[in-house]
Amino acid sequence: MAPSVSDIKSATAEAVDKVASDIAQLKLANTAVSESTTEATEASDPGPSYPGYLPYYDHDEKFPPLELFEHSDVGLLADPAKPNLLNENTKVKHLSPYLGTEVEGVQISQLSKEGLNELALYAAERKVVIFRDQDFKDIGYDRQVEIARHFGHIQRHPTSGNVKGYPEFHVVYFDPTTSRVFRDYYGKDRLSKIGWHSDVTYEKQPAATTFFFILDQPPIGGDTLFGSQVEAYNRLSPEFKKRLEGLRAVHSAVHQAEYSKGKGGVVRREPIETEHPIVRVHPVTGEKALFVNEGFTRYIVGFKKEESEFLLKFLYDHIAKGADFHIRARYEPGTVVVWDNRVTVHSVNPDFDLKHRRHAVRLTPQGEAPIPFVSDSTA
């Protein structure tokens, strides 16, 4: 006998109920596995490899306003042949014609003063130098500071984490507990989290030869992108270069300070705003470079708001889209990156899973007040 309509409905309802029950059980199982995996990950996490470099914040730590100081770049003292840095034991690999060189076979920690002078010159010429298999992270705070101080007065960051007793260190630290801060700072509502900048350009004497050493790195991603501001300038037409000559822009620390205040962080020094030339000249190589960045540059002096925004947006887009004068610095254990902040921009590539730790330290010697480019025709 064929089943009745009521029998079919009853069987169908039972099948639907069974499927719903199976789905519910599967969801419960997946949740249990996820929670178990999270607990196992947390339980197996040994913590930071270098806890002595965890970011330290003291709300009572205050810095006075920075005064101008004399600076002479040590690259001017270097032997152009660089015999102490580049010798028969050194292997180099250029990443781009415009910037970026990987170096093996030399320890920064063992360079003489002459070798450090040559490093300053090489960083100015190649813009970004990536040293592999370095012992730099293990030589101690004092020696690290001593080496960086050879290149100039070390900036003490007004808002970032430092190392207790060593305000010269700028600590970069993200782990699963700080992922919200990471997303917020880089713009949680933006399509891309790339943020091109040069470090602390709001200072009267911004960053010069800069050191960055990695302590913990995600298994995939978390590298740093670099771009050449020299090549960005070179690509412009002669007529456009003439339009930029003599222009100055204001660089501001206000947003950085307000962001830190807003999340309960420190502000060790009152934020400043400083005018700098849009085109600067490197004191050692003589190369001309753009000196604007979307991280700290706010407006062009003497321009109406719309005019300033229009020109700066063009320059930011030009810098950001110049993939043929960008490189990606990839990190390995023992990597130290030395770059010249005067002629580059950079951004972390925040493509890594935020369940992983990214821990690094920057030492940021300051250089001269930016030298404006003045052509012979206007001199």
Protein backbone atom coordinates (compact mmCIF):
# COMPACT_ATOMS: atom_id res chain seq x y z
CA MET A 1 0.00 0.00 0.00
CA ALA A 2 1.32 3.43 -0.88
CA PRO A 3 2.08 5.68 2.13
CA SER A 4 -0.48 8.32 2.98
CA VAL A 5 0.19 12.02 2.84
CA SER A 6 0.26 12.17 6.66
CA ASP A 7 2.87 9.37 6.74
CA ILE A 8 5.05 11.25 4.25
CA LYS A 9 4.78 14.49 6.28
CA SER A 10 5.67 12.64 9.47
CA ALA A 11 8.70 10.97 7.86
CA THR A 12 9.83 14.27 6.37
CA ALA A 13 9.53 16.04 9.72
CA GLU A 14 11.54 13.28 11.40
CA ALA A 15 14.26 13.58 8.72
CA VAL A 16 14.41 17.37 9.13
CA ASP A 17 14.63 17.00 12.90
CA LYS A 18 17.45 14.49 12.52
CA VAL A 19 19.37 16.78 10.17
CA ALA A 20 18.90 19.71 12.57
CA SER A 21 20.07 17.51 15.44
CA ASP A 22 23.14 16.42 13.44
CA ILE A 23 24.00 20.04 12.61
CA ALA A 24 23.66 21.07 16.25
CA GLN A 25 25.93 18.21 17.33
CA LEU A 26 28.46 19.16 14.66
CA LYS A 27 28.46 22.78 15.84
CA LEU A 28 28.99 21.64 19.42
CA ALA A 29 31.86 19.41 18.30
CA ASN A 30 33.48 22.22 16.29
CA THR A 31 33.15 24.61 19.22
CA ALA A 32 34.73 22.05 21.54
CA VAL A 33 37.60 21.48 19.08
CA SER A 34 38.10 25.24 18.67
CA GLU A 35 38.13 25.84 22.42
CA SER A 36 40.42 22.88 22.91
CA THR A 37 42.79 24.15 20.20
CA THR A 38 42.80 27.65 21.71
CA GLU A 39 43.50 26.27 25.17
CA ALA A 40 46.24 24.03 23.79
CA THR A 41 47.79 26.97 21.91
CA GLU A 42 47.69 29.15 25.01
CA ALA A 43 49.07 26.34 27.14
CA SER A 44 51.88 25.63 24.65
CA ASP A 45 52.80 29.30 24.14
CA PRO A 46 56.17 29.74 25.86
CA GLY A 47 55.75 33.51 25.87
CA PRO A 48 58.07 36.08 24.29
CA SER A 49 61.57 34.88 23.51
CA TYR A 50 63.04 38.08 24.98
CA PRO A 51 60.83 39.18 27.89
CA GLY A 52 63.42 41.78 28.86
CA TYR A 53 62.33 43.74 25.79
CA LEU A 54 58.61 43.74 26.55
CA PRO A 55 57.20 47.27 26.22
CA TYR A 56 57.45 49.30 29.40
CA TYR A 57 55.20 52.28 30.15
CA ASP A 58 55.64 54.69 33.04
CA HIS A 59 53.10 57.51 33.18
CA ASP A 60 55.46 59.48 35.40
CA GLU A 61 58.28 59.35 32.85
CA LYS A 62 58.50 62.77 31.17
CA PHE A 63 60.92 64.22 28.63
CA PRO A 64 61.71 67.92 28.14
CA PRO A 65 61.28 69.56 24.74
CA LEU A 66 64.07 68.63 22.34
CA GLU A 67 66.64 71.27 21.57
CA LEU A 68 68.51 71.51 18.28
CA PHE A 69 71.92 69.86 18.36
CA GLU A 70 74.87 69.73 16.01
CA HIS A 71 75.00 66.66 13.79
CA SER A 72 77.63 65.58 11.29
CA ASP A 73 76.85 62.33 9.50
CA VAL A 74 79.56 59.72 10.11
CA GLY A 75 79.08 58.49 6.56
CA LEU A 76 81.13 61.52 5.52
CA LEU A 77 84.12 59.90 7.28
CA ALA A 78 83.77 56.55 5.52
CA ASP A 79 86.18 55.02 3.05
CA PRO A 80 84.09 54.72 -0.15
CA ALA A 81 85.60 51.27 -0.80
CA LYS A 82 84.19 50.06 2.55
CA PRO A 83 87.00 47.57 3.30
CA ASN A 84 85.79 46.94 6.86
CA LEU A 85 82.20 46.23 5.84
CA LEU A 86 82.41 44.68 2.39
CA ASN A 87 85.34 42.29 2.12
CA GLU A 88 86.09 38.77 0.89
CA ASN A 89 83.91 37.28 3.66
CA THR A 90 80.85 39.37 2.82
CA LYS A 91 78.05 38.18 0.57
CA VAL A 92 75.64 40.75 -0.82
CA LYS A 93 72.40 40.36 -2.75
CA HIS A 94 70.71 43.45 -4.19
CA LEU A 95 66.92 43.29 -4.10
CA SER A 96 66.28 46.22 -6.44
CA PRO A 97 68.34 48.69 -8.45
CA TYR A 98 66.96 51.49 -6.30
CA LEU A 99 67.12 50.16 -2.75
CA GLY A 100 67.58 47.08 -0.63
CA THR A 101 70.57 44.80 -0.13
CA GLU A 102 70.85 41.58 1.89
CA VAL A 103 74.21 41.11 3.59
CA GLU A 104 75.74 37.95 5.07
CA GLY A 105 79.16 37.23 6.54
CA VAL A 106 79.62 40.30 8.73
CA GLN A 107 78.54 41.00 12.32
CA ILE A 108 77.42 44.55 13.06
CA SER A 109 78.43 44.02 16.70
CA GLN A 110 82.04 43.45 15.67
CA LEU A 111 82.47 46.39 13.34
CA SER A 112 85.10 48.98 14.24
CA LYS A 113 84.29 52.69 14.21
CA GLU A 114 85.55 52.74 10.65
CA GLY A 115 83.23 49.86 9.80
CA LEU A 116 80.27 51.66 11.35
CA ASN A 117 81.11 54.76 9.32
CA GLU A 118 81.06 52.58 6.21
CA LEU A 119 77.69 51.17 7.29
CA ALA A 120 76.28 54.70 7.47
CA LEU A 121 77.50 55.37 3.94
CA TYR A 122 76.21 52.03 2.63
CA ALA A 123 72.78 52.59 4.20
CA ALA A 124 72.65 56.03 2.56
CA GLU A 125 73.58 54.56 -0.82
CA ARG A 126 71.42 51.42 -0.72
CA LYS A 127 68.67 52.96 1.47
CA VAL A 128 67.87 49.62 3.18
CA VAL A 129 70.43 47.01 4.26
CA ILE A 130 69.20 43.66 5.62
CA PHE A 131 71.75 41.81 7.73
CA ARG A 132 71.28 38.08 8.31
CA ASP A 133 72.42 35.80 11.18
CA GLN A 134 73.28 38.64 13.55
CA ASP A 135 74.03 38.33 17.26
CA PHE A 136 72.82 41.90 17.80
CA LYS A 137 69.79 40.91 19.88
CA ASP A 138 72.03 39.06 22.34
CA ILE A 139 74.74 41.64 23.01
CA GLY A 140 72.84 43.51 25.72
CA TYR A 141 71.14 46.88 26.08
CA ASP A 142 74.26 48.93 26.68
CA ARG A 143 76.18 47.64 23.68
CA GLN A 144 73.15 48.02 21.40
CA VAL A 145 72.71 51.63 22.49
CA GLU A 146 76.45 52.28 22.15
CA ILE A 147 76.46 51.10 18.53
CA ALA A 148 73.37 53.10 17.59
CA ARG A 149 74.69 56.23 19.32
CA HIS A 150 77.68 56.17 16.95
CA PHE A 151 75.26 57.38 14.26
CA GLY A 152 73.73 60.24 16.24
CA HIS A 153 71.60 61.29 19.18
CA ILE A 154 69.04 58.50 19.77
CA GLN A 155 65.42 59.61 19.76
CA ARG A 156 63.39 58.80 22.86
CA HIS A 157 59.88 58.08 21.67
CA PRO A 158 57.15 60.11 23.40
CA THR A 159 54.37 57.46 23.30
CA SER A 160 55.62 53.96 22.48
CA GLY A 161 56.76 51.24 24.85
CA ASN A 162 60.42 51.30 25.76
CA VAL A 163 62.69 49.18 27.97
CA LYS A 164 62.77 50.04 31.67
CA GLY A 165 65.82 52.18 32.28
CA TYR A 166 66.52 52.48 28.54
CA PRO A 167 64.22 55.07 26.93
CA GLU A 168 66.28 54.87 23.71
CA PHE A 169 64.47 51.67 22.71
CA HIS A 170 61.24 51.79 20.72
CA VAL A 171 59.52 48.45 21.25
CA VAL A 172 57.15 47.00 18.65
CA TYR A 173 54.98 44.32 20.22
CA PHE A 174 51.77 42.60 19.13
CA ASP A 175 50.24 39.36 20.39
CA PRO A 176 46.66 38.06 20.59
CA THR A 177 45.92 40.29 23.60
CA THR A 178 46.87 43.46 21.70
CA SER A 179 45.29 42.63 18.33
CA ARG A 180 42.50 45.20 18.81
CA VAL A 181 45.03 47.98 19.33
CA PHE A 182 46.89 46.86 16.22
CA ARG A 183 43.75 46.93 14.08
CA ASP A 184 42.56 50.25 15.49
CA TYR A 185 45.84 52.08 15.00
CA TYR A 186 46.18 50.96 11.39
CA GLY A 187 42.55 51.81 10.66
CA LYS A 188 39.94 49.17 11.39
CA ASP A 189 37.60 50.63 8.74
CA ARG A 190 40.20 50.85 5.96
CA LEU A 191 40.39 48.40 3.08
CA SER A 192 44.17 48.27 3.43
CA LYS A 193 46.16 48.51 6.65
CA ILE A 194 49.34 49.62 4.87
CA GLY A 195 50.54 52.92 6.33
CA TRP A 196 53.53 54.45 4.54
CA HIS A 197 55.65 56.72 6.72
CA SER A 198 59.11 57.77 7.72
CA ASP A 199 59.77 57.62 11.44
CA VAL A 200 59.12 60.62 13.71
CA THR A 201 59.30 63.21 10.93
CA TYR A 202 57.65 65.68 13.30
CA GLU A 203 60.98 66.07 15.10
CA LYS A 204 63.05 69.16 14.31
CA GLN A 205 65.83 66.72 13.44
CA PRO A 206 64.11 63.56 12.18
CA ALA A 207 65.41 60.00 12.11
CA ALA A 208 68.49 59.12 10.08
CA THR A 209 70.36 55.76 10.09
CA THR A 210 67.91 53.45 11.85
CA PHE A 211 68.28 49.98 13.40
CA PHE A 212 65.47 47.41 13.67
CA PHE A 213 66.01 43.92 15.05
CA ILE A 214 63.47 41.13 15.24
CA LEU A 215 62.88 39.02 18.35
CA ASP A 216 59.70 37.05 17.53
CA GLN A 217 58.16 36.85 14.09
CA PRO A 218 54.93 35.25 12.81
CA PRO A 219 55.55 32.11 10.72
CA ILE A 220 53.99 33.84 7.70
CA GLY A 221 53.80 37.57 6.99
CA GLY A 222 54.62 40.54 9.15
CA ASP A 223 57.46 41.74 6.93
CA THR A 224 58.25 45.41 6.27
CA LEU A 225 57.71 47.18 2.97
CA PHE A 226 60.17 49.92 1.99
CA GLY A 227 60.07 52.52 -0.76
CA SER A 228 62.73 54.84 -2.15
CA GLN A 229 61.88 58.53 -1.79
CA VAL A 230 64.85 59.30 -4.03
CA GLU A 231 63.43 57.29 -6.92
CA ALA A 232 59.95 58.66 -6.20
CA TYR A 233 61.38 62.14 -6.72
CA ASN A 234 63.39 61.11 -9.79
CA ARG A 235 60.26 59.84 -11.54
CA LEU A 236 58.64 63.27 -11.50
CA SER A 237 58.82 65.51 -14.56
CA PRO A 238 61.26 68.44 -14.55
CA GLU A 239 58.38 70.91 -14.54
CA PHE A 240 56.68 69.22 -11.59
CA LYS A 241 59.97 69.16 -9.67
CA LYS A 242 60.20 72.92 -10.17
CA ARG A 243 56.74 73.30 -8.61
CA LEU A 244 57.82 71.41 -5.49
CA GLU A 245 61.02 73.39 -5.04
CA GLY A 246 60.84 75.69 -2.05
CA LEU A 247 57.61 74.20 -0.70
CA ARG A 248 57.42 73.28 2.97
CA ALA A 249 54.98 71.04 4.82
CA VAL A 250 53.98 70.69 8.46
CA HIS A 251 54.64 67.35 10.17
CA SER A 252 52.68 66.70 13.35
CA ALA A 253 52.94 64.48 16.44
CA VAL A 254 49.48 65.49 17.67
CA HIS A 255 47.51 62.51 16.34
CA GLN A 256 50.05 60.07 17.76
CA ALA A 257 49.82 61.70 21.19
CA GLU A 258 46.02 61.91 21.13
CA TYR A 259 45.74 58.26 20.14
CA SER A 260 47.97 57.26 23.04
CA LYS A 261 45.95 59.38 25.48
CA GLY A 262 42.72 57.92 24.16
CA LYS A 263 43.73 54.37 25.01
CA GLY A 264 45.19 55.30 28.39
CA GLY A 265 48.77 55.31 27.17
CA VAL A 266 51.69 57.58 27.95
CA VAL A 267 52.67 60.94 26.51
CA ARG A 268 56.18 61.60 27.77
CA ARG A 269 56.68 64.83 25.82
CA GLU A 270 54.17 67.35 24.55
CA PRO A 271 53.49 66.83 20.83
CA ILE A 272 55.12 69.21 18.40
CA GLU A 273 54.54 70.32 14.83
CA THR A 274 57.47 71.18 12.57
CA GLU A 275 57.92 72.57 9.07
CA HIS A 276 60.20 70.65 6.70
CA PRO A 277 61.02 71.03 3.00
CA ILE A 278 59.02 68.78 0.68
CA VAL A 279 62.25 67.97 -1.18
CA ARG A 280 65.35 67.40 0.94
CA VAL A 281 69.00 66.73 0.11
CA HIS A 282 70.98 63.90 1.70
CA PRO A 283 74.09 65.33 3.39
CA VAL A 284 76.37 62.45 2.30
CA THR A 285 75.21 61.33 -1.15
CA GLY A 286 73.74 64.64 -2.30
CA GLU A 287 70.66 62.81 -3.58
CA LYS A 288 67.34 64.63 -3.61
CA ALA A 289 64.33 62.90 -2.06
CA LEU A 290 60.67 63.56 -1.40
CA PHE A 291 60.05 64.19 2.28
CA VAL A 292 56.32 63.78 2.86
CA ASN A 293 54.43 60.84 4.32
CA GLU A 294 50.81 60.17 5.12
CA GLY A 295 51.66 59.18 8.68
CA PHE A 296 52.82 62.60 9.88
CA THR A 297 52.59 65.22 7.11
CA ARG A 298 49.49 67.38 7.54
CA TYR A 299 49.49 70.33 5.12
CA ILE A 300 51.60 72.45 2.80
CA VAL A 301 52.54 75.85 4.13
CA GLY A 302 50.94 78.72 2.22
CA PHE A 303 48.43 76.55 0.33
CA LYS A 304 44.67 76.65 0.75
CA LYS A 305 43.26 73.51 2.36
CA GLU A 306 41.94 72.03 -0.90
CA GLU A 307 45.17 72.80 -2.75
CA SER A 308 47.28 71.20 -0.05
CA GLU A 309 45.12 68.08 0.14
CA PHE A 310 45.16 67.70 -3.64
CA LEU A 311 48.93 67.92 -3.98
CA LEU A 312 49.70 65.76 -0.95
CA LYS A 313 47.26 63.09 -2.10
CA PHE A 314 48.99 62.97 -5.47
CA LEU A 315 52.38 62.55 -3.79
CA TYR A 316 51.09 59.91 -1.35
CA ASP A 317 49.51 57.93 -4.19
CA HIS A 318 52.66 58.21 -6.28
CA ILE A 319 54.79 56.94 -3.38
CA ALA A 320 52.38 54.13 -2.49
CA LYS A 321 51.83 52.89 -6.05
CA GLY A 322 55.51 52.80 -6.99
CA ALA A 323 55.86 49.04 -6.70
CA ASP A 324 58.87 49.18 -9.01
CA PHE A 325 60.78 51.18 -6.39
CA HIS A 326 59.53 49.18 -3.38
CA ILE A 327 61.01 46.13 -1.68
CA ARG A 328 59.77 43.71 0.96
CA ALA A 329 62.18 43.06 3.83
CA ARG A 330 61.66 39.50 5.01
CA TYR A 331 62.59 38.57 8.55
CA GLU A 332 64.42 35.50 9.81
CA PRO A 333 65.87 34.76 13.26
CA GLY A 334 68.84 37.07 13.70
CA THR A 335 67.76 39.64 11.12
CA VAL A 336 68.75 43.27 11.65
CA VAL A 337 67.55 45.90 9.18
CA VAL A 338 69.45 49.17 8.89
CA TRP A 339 67.83 51.87 6.78
CA ASP A 340 68.13 55.57 6.13
CA ASN A 341 64.87 57.21 7.20
CA ARG A 342 65.76 60.41 5.35
CA VAL A 343 65.35 58.85 1.91
CA THR A 344 62.81 56.05 2.45
CA VAL A 345 59.28 55.33 3.55
CA HIS A 346 58.14 52.06 5.06
CA SER A 347 55.15 50.18 6.44
CA VAL A 348 54.64 47.00 8.34
CA ASN A 349 52.76 44.49 6.19
CA PRO A 350 49.99 43.57 8.66
CA ASP A 351 49.06 40.40 6.78
CA PHE A 352 49.87 38.02 9.61
CA ASP A 353 47.45 36.06 11.78
CA LEU A 354 47.06 38.07 14.97
CA LYS A 355 47.13 34.92 17.08
CA HIS A 356 50.91 35.05 16.52
CA ARG A 357 53.42 37.30 18.24
CA ARG A 358 55.41 40.01 16.44
CA HIS A 359 58.13 41.49 18.65
CA ALA A 360 60.90 43.80 17.50
CA VAL A 361 62.96 46.74 18.69
CA ARG A 362 64.01 49.94 16.96
CA LEU A 363 66.88 52.28 17.76
CA THR A 364 66.45 55.62 16.02
CA PRO A 365 69.42 57.99 15.77
CA GLN A 366 68.41 61.46 14.67
CA GLY A 367 70.15 63.35 11.92
CA GLU A 368 70.38 66.92 10.71
CA ALA A 369 67.50 69.29 10.23
CA PRO A 370 66.36 68.51 6.66
CA ILE A 371 68.37 70.36 4.02
CA PRO A 372 66.08 71.91 1.41
CA PHE A 373 66.86 71.52 -2.26
CA VAL A 374 67.58 74.81 -3.96
CA SER A 375 68.37 74.74 -7.68
CA ASP A 376 71.08 76.90 -9.21
CA SER A 377 68.43 79.00 -10.93
CA THR A 378 66.89 80.06 -7.61
CA ALA A 379 70.02 80.13 -5.47
